[in-house]
Amino acid sequence: MAQSLIAKYNIPGPRYTSYPTVPYWDEKGIDLDAWKKSVKLSFDESNEKEGISLYVHLPFCESLCTFCGCNKRITKNHEVEDPYITAVLKEWDLYLELLGETPIISEIHFGGGTPTFFSPESLRKLILGLTSKGIIPENHSYSFEGHPNNTKLEHLKVMNELGFNRASYGVQDFDPKVQKTINRIQPFEVVEEVINNTRAAGYTSTSFDLVYGLPHQTKESIIDTINKVRELKPDRIAYYSYAHVPWIKGNGQRGYDEADLPKDDEKRELYEIGYQLLLDSGYKEIGMDHFALETDSMYVSMKNKELHRNFMGYSASKTQLMIGLGVSSISDSWYAFAQNVKTVEEYYKIIEEGEIPIFRGHELTEEDLVIRRHILDIMCHYETSWADEESYHEIIDECIPRLTELIEDGFLELGNKSLKVTEAGKPFIRNICMAFDVRLIRNKPQTQLFSMTI
């Protein structure tokens, strides 16, 4: 890939797990009653057809990984488990009262933090508290993010018995120097044991998160990491660009010098090496940063043009309504977004007062809904069309001229009221979406809000 193109397009940009992106949500937020109405409307429209998704944020970790930008609480005190789960289930009850009918729970995802910080008994209480008040469809997808160092066989057995069938592990990198720098020491043997236990416990899909651009990473360390991953053959791989955002308060990314990070061309080379090794190992590219074996539902979903993207990343199926439970969780009713308060103490206080604990949100305008659909189509299918009335808005006419340079650089093919991303354009998919991001264009940030696109 031409270094001149990397230099040209390596700018701060969103990852588009939503549109509008969080920094461009309406400053006045969303009224709680308006949020509740949008949830109810979305549920009534979609529950019988596709069910709902639940995301539960479990924020506790025993140690700080210095590459992480997630909302977390570092503690070794496991007495925090029961009060937190009790609060999450109270929040779920508030939503159930709002929904009025029994939800079909098509998807559940536990993220964090470290979900396997919680004991198997605590996770049993949480899962039963969620699913006992809903319907579990036959084709459900229930998953969790596990830390290889503390995901025990008992965790796996309990969760699988209660319907969980997918497990994702944060591997990041196998190089000892990189692991030490990011405070995530987990030898290959540990990861090998946990994925073997996961398969033995009955999970049908396993996933690894890998990160390129970490401090002290080299071509040799990436090759070694990918070769080790090939031995374990997870069904899915997320190969993320390290998002260096030390300006976000409390994320721990001041634990090393920026001089330790691979620079633009070095970082892109790390991606290209890993990308080719993954393709050579039988993985297929899925959207942005994701790969899957042909036997995995993510690949099947992509081939059938059913791939979806939300705040959790890519999903093999779509639900119109996603309810986020727990501190800092983001919910999506399709018509609006809402985020929960970010501290555990404030979360507990509002839950005890008997209210859904949102602190900010955004109601999508007609323009937002059209742009959102096009960005989703580009992120999931590498193409979009505005030929029909529902997918057209006059704002599209303003976006087209911004595609000219992308077309000239070979990233896009523009059709009659449609576009298609070329193979050369796939690494620049965030830049392509930015041409449609009218909120970003109208109000360019004065300070850096996003990680670099490459």
Protein backbone atom coordinates (compact mmCIF):
# COMPACT_ATOMS: atom_id res chain seq x y z
CA MET A 1 0.00 0.00 0.00
CA ALA A 2 1.38 3.44 -0.95
CA GLN A 3 2.80 5.23 2.07
CA SER A 4 1.56 8.52 0.59
CA LEU A 5 -2.04 7.27 0.86
CA ILE A 6 -1.50 6.19 4.45
CA ALA A 7 -0.10 9.61 5.32
CA LYS A 8 -2.96 11.31 3.50
CA TYR A 9 -5.81 9.41 5.12
CA ASN A 10 -4.41 8.68 8.59
CA ILE A 11 -6.48 11.26 10.42
CA PRO A 12 -8.64 11.15 13.57
CA GLY A 13 -11.97 9.53 12.79
CA PRO A 14 -14.90 7.61 14.35
CA ARG A 15 -15.21 3.83 14.34
CA TYR A 16 -18.94 4.18 13.61
CA THR A 17 -20.45 1.81 16.12
CA SER A 18 -23.24 4.40 15.99
CA TYR A 19 -24.39 7.35 13.96
CA PRO A 20 -24.43 10.03 15.12
CA THR A 21 -21.25 9.26 17.04
CA VAL A 22 -21.39 9.96 20.78
CA PRO A 23 -19.50 13.32 20.66
CA TYR A 24 -22.14 14.59 18.23
CA TRP A 25 -25.20 13.63 20.20
CA ASP A 26 -27.53 16.55 20.79
CA GLU A 27 -26.18 18.69 23.64
CA LYS A 28 -29.61 18.98 25.25
CA GLY A 29 -29.66 15.20 25.56
CA ILE A 30 -32.86 13.20 25.65
CA ASP A 31 -35.77 13.56 28.04
CA LEU A 32 -36.32 10.36 30.06
CA ASP A 33 -39.97 10.16 29.01
CA ALA A 34 -38.96 10.53 25.36
CA TRP A 35 -36.40 7.74 25.80
CA LYS A 36 -39.02 5.45 27.34
CA LYS A 37 -41.45 6.15 24.50
CA SER A 38 -38.82 5.33 21.89
CA VAL A 39 -37.97 2.05 23.66
CA LYS A 40 -41.62 1.06 23.82
CA LEU A 41 -42.20 1.97 20.17
CA SER A 42 -39.18 -0.03 19.03
CA PHE A 43 -40.14 -3.02 21.17
CA ASP A 44 -43.70 -3.08 19.86
CA GLU A 45 -42.46 -2.89 16.27
CA SER A 46 -39.76 -5.54 16.47
CA ASN A 47 -40.02 -7.97 19.39
CA GLU A 48 -42.15 -10.62 17.69
CA LYS A 49 -40.12 -10.39 14.49
CA GLU A 50 -36.53 -10.38 15.78
CA GLY A 51 -36.52 -10.10 19.59
CA ILE A 52 -34.23 -7.78 21.53
CA SER A 53 -30.56 -7.62 22.52
CA LEU A 54 -29.19 -7.09 26.00
CA TYR A 55 -25.75 -5.70 26.76
CA VAL A 56 -24.60 -5.88 30.38
CA HIS A 57 -21.54 -3.88 31.45
CA LEU A 58 -19.62 -5.56 34.27
CA PRO A 59 -16.97 -2.95 35.15
CA PHE A 60 -14.73 -4.64 37.72
CA CYS A 61 -11.15 -5.75 37.03
CA GLU A 62 -8.49 -6.99 39.44
CA SER A 63 -5.71 -5.16 37.58
CA LEU A 64 -5.36 -2.33 35.07
CA CYS A 65 -4.43 -3.15 31.46
CA THR A 66 -2.67 0.00 30.34
CA PHE A 67 -3.88 -0.17 26.71
CA CYS A 68 -7.55 -0.19 27.74
CA GLY A 69 -9.91 2.75 27.24
CA CYS A 70 -13.02 1.09 28.70
CA ASN A 71 -15.03 2.16 31.73
CA LYS A 72 -13.75 0.01 34.59
CA ARG A 73 -13.26 -0.13 38.35
CA ILE A 74 -10.04 -1.73 39.62
CA THR A 75 -10.52 -3.77 42.79
CA LYS A 76 -9.67 -7.11 44.35
CA ASN A 77 -12.69 -6.89 46.65
CA HIS A 78 -15.19 -9.44 45.38
CA GLU A 79 -17.84 -8.29 47.83
CA VAL A 80 -18.80 -5.79 45.12
CA GLU A 81 -20.33 -8.59 43.04
CA ASP A 82 -23.70 -9.08 44.72
CA PRO A 83 -24.70 -5.40 45.10
CA TYR A 84 -23.86 -4.75 41.49
CA ILE A 85 -25.84 -7.71 40.13
CA THR A 86 -28.78 -6.77 42.36
CA ALA A 87 -28.75 -3.26 40.88
CA VAL A 88 -28.53 -4.55 37.27
CA LEU A 89 -31.52 -6.82 37.82
CA LYS A 90 -33.48 -3.94 39.32
CA GLU A 91 -32.71 -1.92 36.20
CA TRP A 92 -33.91 -4.84 34.05
CA ASP A 93 -37.16 -4.90 36.03
CA LEU A 94 -37.65 -1.20 35.25
CA TYR A 95 -37.34 -1.94 31.54
CA LEU A 96 -39.62 -4.98 31.78
CA GLU A 97 -42.30 -2.83 33.39
CA LEU A 98 -41.92 -0.38 30.51
CA LEU A 99 -42.08 -3.07 27.80
CA GLY A 100 -45.30 -4.51 29.16
CA GLU A 101 -44.93 -7.85 27.35
CA THR A 102 -42.49 -10.72 27.61
CA PRO A 103 -39.38 -9.98 25.53
CA ILE A 104 -37.76 -12.49 23.20
CA ILE A 105 -34.10 -12.23 24.22
CA SER A 106 -32.27 -13.00 20.99
CA GLU A 107 -28.85 -11.71 22.06
CA ILE A 108 -27.02 -11.18 25.33
CA HIS A 109 -23.48 -9.90 25.62
CA PHE A 110 -21.50 -9.44 28.83
CA GLY A 111 -18.70 -6.89 28.48
CA GLY A 112 -16.54 -4.88 30.77
CA GLY A 113 -14.32 -4.59 32.67
CA THR A 114 -13.87 -8.28 33.21
CA PRO A 115 -17.11 -10.30 33.28
CA THR A 116 -15.23 -13.34 34.63
CA PHE A 117 -14.15 -11.21 37.60
CA PHE A 118 -17.54 -12.37 38.90
CA SER A 119 -17.83 -15.84 40.43
CA PRO A 120 -19.75 -18.58 38.60
CA GLU A 121 -22.44 -18.32 41.30
CA SER A 122 -22.81 -14.57 40.74
CA LEU A 123 -23.02 -15.05 36.97
CA ARG A 124 -25.68 -17.73 37.47
CA LYS A 125 -27.76 -15.27 39.53
CA LEU A 126 -27.36 -12.60 36.84
CA ILE A 127 -28.20 -14.83 33.88
CA LEU A 128 -31.23 -16.41 35.51
CA GLY A 129 -32.41 -12.97 36.63
CA LEU A 130 -32.34 -11.85 32.99
CA THR A 131 -33.58 -14.89 31.10
CA SER A 132 -36.25 -16.12 33.53
CA LYS A 133 -38.31 -13.06 32.61
CA GLY A 134 -37.95 -13.48 28.87
CA ILE A 135 -38.16 -16.06 26.09
CA ILE A 136 -34.96 -17.70 24.84
CA PRO A 137 -35.36 -18.42 21.11
CA GLU A 138 -33.72 -21.46 19.56
CA ASN A 139 -31.34 -19.40 17.43
CA HIS A 140 -30.15 -17.11 20.25
CA SER A 141 -26.60 -15.75 20.52
CA TYR A 142 -25.35 -15.29 24.11
CA SER A 143 -21.72 -14.29 24.55
CA PHE A 144 -19.23 -12.91 27.02
CA GLU A 145 -15.79 -11.35 27.06
CA GLY A 146 -13.40 -13.43 29.14
CA HIS A 147 -9.96 -12.79 30.56
CA PRO A 148 -7.82 -15.88 29.88
CA ASN A 149 -6.17 -15.61 33.30
CA ASN A 150 -9.37 -15.86 35.32
CA THR A 151 -11.90 -17.68 33.13
CA LYS A 152 -12.19 -21.04 34.83
CA LEU A 153 -13.89 -24.22 33.65
CA GLU A 154 -16.64 -23.66 36.21
CA HIS A 155 -17.41 -20.23 34.71
CA LEU A 156 -17.69 -21.84 31.30
CA LYS A 157 -19.89 -24.71 32.43
CA VAL A 158 -22.34 -22.54 34.35
CA MET A 159 -22.77 -20.03 31.55
CA ASN A 160 -23.10 -22.67 28.85
CA GLU A 161 -25.72 -24.54 30.88
CA LEU A 162 -27.71 -21.30 30.96
CA GLY A 163 -27.60 -20.70 27.22
CA PHE A 164 -24.27 -18.98 26.49
CA ASN A 165 -22.77 -20.32 23.28
CA ARG A 166 -20.06 -17.80 22.30
CA ALA A 167 -16.91 -16.73 24.14
CA SER A 168 -14.46 -13.95 23.27
CA TYR A 169 -11.00 -13.61 24.77
CA GLY A 170 -8.72 -10.60 24.86
CA VAL A 171 -5.42 -12.03 23.66
CA GLN A 172 -3.95 -8.76 22.25
CA ASP A 173 -0.37 -10.06 21.68
CA PHE A 174 1.74 -13.03 22.80
CA ASP A 175 5.06 -11.19 22.95
CA PRO A 176 6.29 -11.08 26.61
CA LYS A 177 7.70 -7.55 26.29
CA VAL A 178 4.44 -6.20 24.88
CA GLN A 179 2.42 -8.03 27.52
CA LYS A 180 4.56 -6.62 30.31
CA THR A 181 4.23 -3.08 28.95
CA ILE A 182 0.44 -3.24 28.74
CA ASN A 183 0.21 -5.13 32.07
CA ARG A 184 -1.55 -8.10 30.46
CA ILE A 185 0.71 -11.10 31.08
CA GLN A 186 -0.94 -14.28 29.78
CA PRO A 187 1.35 -16.94 28.30
CA PHE A 188 0.31 -19.02 25.30
CA GLU A 189 -0.26 -22.05 27.53
CA VAL A 190 -2.88 -20.15 29.54
CA VAL A 191 -4.78 -19.11 26.42
CA GLU A 192 -4.51 -22.61 25.00
CA GLU A 193 -6.00 -24.09 28.16
CA VAL A 194 -8.92 -21.67 28.27
CA ILE A 195 -9.92 -22.18 24.62
CA ASN A 196 -9.70 -25.96 25.03
CA ASN A 197 -11.90 -25.70 28.12
CA THR A 198 -14.33 -23.46 26.23
CA ARG A 199 -14.77 -26.00 23.47
CA ALA A 200 -15.03 -28.87 25.92
CA ALA A 201 -17.77 -26.99 27.80
CA GLY A 202 -19.91 -26.89 24.65
CA TYR A 203 -19.43 -23.43 23.15
CA THR A 204 -20.03 -23.34 19.41
CA SER A 205 -18.04 -20.18 18.63
CA THR A 206 -14.83 -18.74 20.03
CA SER A 207 -13.24 -15.40 19.28
CA PHE A 208 -9.92 -13.67 19.94
CA ASP A 209 -9.29 -9.95 20.15
CA LEU A 210 -5.86 -9.04 18.75
CA VAL A 211 -4.44 -5.52 18.72
CA TYR A 212 -1.82 -4.05 16.39
CA GLY A 213 0.03 -0.81 17.12
CA LEU A 214 0.77 -1.63 20.76
CA PRO A 215 4.00 -0.42 22.37
CA HIS A 216 7.09 -2.43 21.39
CA GLN A 217 5.27 -4.46 18.74
CA THR A 218 7.42 -5.51 15.78
CA LYS A 219 6.93 -7.45 12.57
CA GLU A 220 8.47 -10.47 14.27
CA SER A 221 6.14 -10.28 17.28
CA ILE A 222 3.04 -9.95 15.08
CA ILE A 223 4.09 -12.94 12.98
CA ASP A 224 4.73 -14.98 16.12
CA THR A 225 1.38 -13.95 17.62
CA ILE A 226 -0.62 -14.79 14.48
CA ASN A 227 1.18 -18.13 14.12
CA LYS A 228 0.25 -19.02 17.71
CA VAL A 229 -3.35 -17.96 17.06
CA ARG A 230 -3.42 -20.20 13.98
CA GLU A 231 -2.58 -23.17 16.20
CA LEU A 232 -5.64 -22.49 18.37
CA LYS A 233 -7.93 -21.65 15.41
CA PRO A 234 -10.69 -19.54 17.01
CA ASP A 235 -13.80 -19.17 14.87
CA ARG A 236 -13.57 -15.38 14.81
CA ILE A 237 -10.80 -12.83 15.16
CA ALA A 238 -11.07 -9.12 15.77
CA TYR A 239 -7.81 -7.51 14.65
CA TYR A 240 -8.08 -4.01 16.07
CA SER A 241 -5.95 -0.95 15.62
CA TYR A 242 -4.73 0.22 19.01
CA ALA A 243 -6.68 3.40 19.80
CA HIS A 244 -4.28 5.68 21.62
CA VAL A 245 -6.57 8.12 23.44
CA PRO A 246 -4.69 9.13 26.62
CA TRP A 247 -6.72 12.34 26.86
CA ILE A 248 -9.70 10.30 28.06
CA LYS A 249 -9.66 10.60 31.83
CA GLY A 250 -8.62 7.54 33.78
CA ASN A 251 -7.98 5.14 30.91
CA GLY A 252 -4.43 4.29 32.01
CA GLN A 253 -2.78 4.96 28.65
CA ARG A 254 -0.01 7.05 30.21
CA GLY A 255 1.82 3.89 31.28
CA TYR A 256 4.38 4.12 28.46
CA ASP A 257 6.05 6.65 26.24
CA GLU A 258 4.46 7.43 22.87
CA ALA A 259 7.89 6.86 21.34
CA ASP A 260 7.33 3.15 22.12
CA LEU A 261 4.36 3.01 19.70
CA PRO A 262 4.83 1.94 16.06
CA LYS A 263 4.57 4.96 13.77
CA ASP A 264 2.09 5.36 10.89
CA ASP A 265 3.85 3.33 8.19
CA GLU A 266 5.19 0.81 10.72
CA LYS A 267 1.73 0.33 12.20
CA ARG A 268 0.12 -0.15 8.82
CA GLU A 269 2.76 -2.75 7.95
CA LEU A 270 1.87 -4.64 11.13
CA TYR A 271 -1.75 -4.73 10.00
CA GLU A 272 -0.91 -5.88 6.49
CA ILE A 273 1.34 -8.67 7.76
CA GLY A 274 -1.33 -9.93 10.14
CA TYR A 275 -4.07 -9.48 7.55
CA GLN A 276 -2.29 -11.65 5.00
CA LEU A 277 -1.42 -14.32 7.58
CA LEU A 278 -5.07 -14.52 8.62
CA LEU A 279 -6.25 -14.86 5.01
CA ASP A 280 -3.59 -17.53 4.42
CA SER A 281 -4.97 -19.39 7.46
CA GLY A 282 -8.46 -19.65 5.99
CA TYR A 283 -10.09 -16.63 7.62
CA LYS A 284 -12.41 -14.39 5.60
CA GLU A 285 -12.51 -10.64 6.04
CA ILE A 286 -15.72 -9.40 7.69
CA GLY A 287 -16.46 -5.69 7.56
CA MET A 288 -13.77 -3.65 9.30
CA ASP A 289 -11.11 -5.32 11.49
CA HIS A 290 -12.95 -8.66 11.74
CA PHE A 291 -12.26 -12.11 10.33
CA ALA A 292 -14.13 -15.40 10.54
CA LEU A 293 -13.91 -18.97 9.34
CA GLU A 294 -16.38 -19.93 6.61
CA THR A 295 -18.14 -22.20 9.11
CA ASP A 296 -18.92 -19.35 11.50
CA SER A 297 -22.28 -17.57 11.57
CA MET A 298 -20.56 -14.20 11.11
CA TYR A 299 -19.31 -15.22 7.68
CA VAL A 300 -22.68 -16.72 6.73
CA SER A 301 -24.38 -13.50 7.84
CA MET A 302 -22.02 -11.41 5.72
CA LYS A 303 -22.64 -13.56 2.62
CA ASN A 304 -26.40 -13.23 3.16
CA LYS A 305 -26.12 -9.45 3.68
CA GLU A 306 -27.50 -9.79 7.21
CA LEU A 307 -24.42 -8.48 9.03
CA HIS A 308 -25.18 -5.76 11.57
CA ARG A 309 -23.07 -3.30 13.57
CA ASN A 310 -23.87 -1.70 16.92
CA PHE A 311 -22.07 -0.43 20.02
CA MET A 312 -20.69 -3.92 20.64
CA GLY A 313 -19.19 -4.14 17.14
CA TYR A 314 -20.34 -6.54 14.41
CA SER A 315 -23.20 -8.95 14.99
CA ALA A 316 -24.35 -11.90 12.90
CA SER A 317 -27.97 -10.86 13.41
CA LYS A 318 -29.89 -7.64 13.91
CA THR A 319 -32.28 -6.52 16.58
CA GLN A 320 -33.88 -3.11 16.34
CA LEU A 321 -33.84 -2.68 20.13
CA MET A 322 -30.69 -3.11 22.22
CA ILE A 323 -31.01 -2.42 25.94
CA GLY A 324 -27.83 -1.65 27.84
CA LEU A 325 -27.77 -2.50 31.54
CA GLY A 326 -25.18 -1.49 34.09
CA VAL A 327 -22.90 1.46 34.59
CA SER A 328 -22.00 3.43 31.38
CA SER A 329 -23.96 1.02 29.11
CA ILE A 330 -25.41 2.48 25.92
CA SER A 331 -28.87 1.52 24.68
CA ASP A 332 -30.16 1.83 21.12
CA SER A 333 -33.84 1.90 20.18
CA TRP A 334 -32.97 2.71 16.54
CA TYR A 335 -34.83 5.99 16.93
CA ALA A 336 -32.72 7.15 19.89
CA PHE A 337 -29.62 6.40 21.95
CA ALA A 338 -29.19 6.66 25.72
CA GLN A 339 -26.19 6.11 27.96
CA ASN A 340 -26.23 5.21 31.64
CA VAL A 341 -24.34 7.19 34.27
CA LYS A 342 -20.64 6.36 34.45
CA THR A 343 -19.92 5.85 38.16
CA VAL A 344 -21.06 2.88 40.22
CA GLU A 345 -22.13 5.11 43.11
CA GLU A 346 -24.42 7.30 41.01
CA TYR A 347 -25.78 4.22 39.24
CA TYR A 348 -26.77 2.64 42.57
CA LYS A 349 -28.38 5.89 43.77
CA ILE A 350 -30.62 6.32 40.72
CA ILE A 351 -31.60 2.64 40.62
CA GLU A 352 -32.63 2.83 44.29
CA GLU A 353 -34.80 5.81 43.39
CA GLY A 354 -36.63 3.55 40.95
CA GLU A 355 -35.56 5.19 37.72
CA ILE A 356 -33.67 4.18 34.57
CA PRO A 357 -30.22 5.72 35.15
CA ILE A 358 -29.50 7.49 31.85
CA PHE A 359 -27.53 10.75 31.85
CA ARG A 360 -27.28 11.60 28.15
CA GLY A 361 -28.75 10.56 24.83
CA HIS A 362 -29.85 11.56 21.37
CA GLU A 363 -33.08 11.41 19.38
CA LEU A 364 -32.31 10.74 15.73
CA THR A 365 -33.68 13.17 13.17
CA GLU A 366 -34.99 12.09 9.77
CA GLU A 367 -31.61 13.07 8.33
CA ASP A 368 -29.78 11.06 11.01
CA LEU A 369 -31.79 7.94 10.23
CA VAL A 370 -30.96 8.10 6.52
CA ILE A 371 -27.25 8.76 7.07
CA ARG A 372 -27.13 6.04 9.72
CA ARG A 373 -28.47 3.49 7.25
CA HIS A 374 -25.85 4.40 4.62
CA ILE A 375 -22.96 4.27 7.09
CA LEU A 376 -24.20 0.89 8.36
CA ASP A 377 -24.42 -0.46 4.81
CA ILE A 378 -20.89 0.72 4.01
CA MET A 379 -19.49 -0.71 7.26
CA CYS A 380 -21.28 -4.05 6.88
CA HIS A 381 -21.65 -4.63 3.14
CA TYR A 382 -19.08 -2.31 1.50
CA GLU A 383 -21.84 -0.74 -0.57
CA THR A 384 -24.91 1.40 -0.30
CA SER A 385 -27.68 2.82 -2.50
CA TRP A 386 -29.98 5.81 -2.29
CA ALA A 387 -32.14 4.87 -5.28
CA ASP A 388 -35.39 4.40 -3.37
CA GLU A 389 -37.41 6.97 -1.48
CA GLU A 390 -36.65 5.60 2.01
CA SER A 391 -32.88 5.74 1.55
CA TYR A 392 -32.76 9.18 -0.06
CA HIS A 393 -32.45 12.51 1.69
CA GLU A 394 -31.43 15.77 0.07
CA ILE A 395 -28.32 15.81 2.28
CA ILE A 396 -26.93 12.95 0.15
CA ASP A 397 -26.43 15.44 -2.67
CA GLU A 398 -24.01 17.33 -0.43
CA CYS A 399 -22.07 14.15 0.35
CA ILE A 400 -21.41 13.07 -3.24
CA PRO A 401 -18.75 15.73 -4.04
CA ARG A 402 -16.76 14.60 -0.98
CA LEU A 403 -16.39 11.17 -2.61
CA THR A 404 -14.46 12.52 -5.61
CA GLU A 405 -10.99 12.19 -4.11
CA LEU A 406 -11.78 8.74 -2.72
CA ILE A 407 -12.86 7.64 -6.20
CA GLU A 408 -9.71 9.11 -7.77
CA ASP A 409 -7.56 7.18 -5.26
CA GLY A 410 -9.29 3.94 -6.27
CA PHE A 411 -11.27 3.37 -3.07
CA LEU A 412 -14.78 3.64 -4.50
CA GLU A 413 -16.85 2.95 -7.59
CA LEU A 414 -19.77 5.36 -7.94
CA GLY A 415 -22.85 4.07 -9.71
CA ASN A 416 -26.23 5.57 -10.45
CA LYS A 417 -27.34 6.55 -6.95
CA SER A 418 -25.07 3.93 -5.39
CA LEU A 419 -21.49 3.26 -4.42
CA LYS A 420 -19.30 0.21 -3.87
CA VAL A 421 -16.05 0.02 -1.90
CA THR A 422 -13.17 -1.56 -3.82
CA GLU A 423 -10.63 -3.98 -2.32
CA ALA A 424 -8.16 -1.07 -2.17
CA GLY A 425 -10.70 0.99 -0.28
CA LYS A 426 -11.50 -1.49 2.49
CA PRO A 427 -8.63 -0.40 4.78
CA PHE A 428 -9.96 3.18 4.49
CA ILE A 429 -13.58 2.40 5.27
CA ARG A 430 -13.68 4.84 8.20
CA ASN A 431 -12.56 7.64 5.89
CA ILE A 432 -15.26 6.69 3.38
CA CYS A 433 -17.95 6.85 6.06
CA MET A 434 -16.66 10.24 7.15
CA ALA A 435 -17.74 11.64 3.76
CA PHE A 436 -21.34 10.96 4.86
CA ASP A 437 -20.88 12.15 8.45
CA VAL A 438 -22.60 15.50 8.05
CA ARG A 439 -22.54 16.23 11.79
CA LEU A 440 -18.76 15.87 11.85
CA ILE A 441 -18.39 18.01 8.72
CA ARG A 442 -20.61 20.79 10.04
CA ASN A 443 -18.83 20.97 13.37
CA LYS A 444 -15.21 19.89 12.96
CA PRO A 445 -13.69 19.26 16.42
CA GLN A 446 -11.16 21.77 17.73
CA THR A 447 -9.47 19.06 19.81
CA GLN A 448 -8.85 15.38 19.00
CA LEU A 449 -11.94 13.32 19.83
CA PHE A 450 -11.20 10.11 17.96
CA SER A 451 -8.36 7.65 17.40
CA MET A 452 -6.47 7.67 14.10
CA THR A 453 -8.19 5.90 11.21
CA ILE A 454 -5.15 3.79 10.27
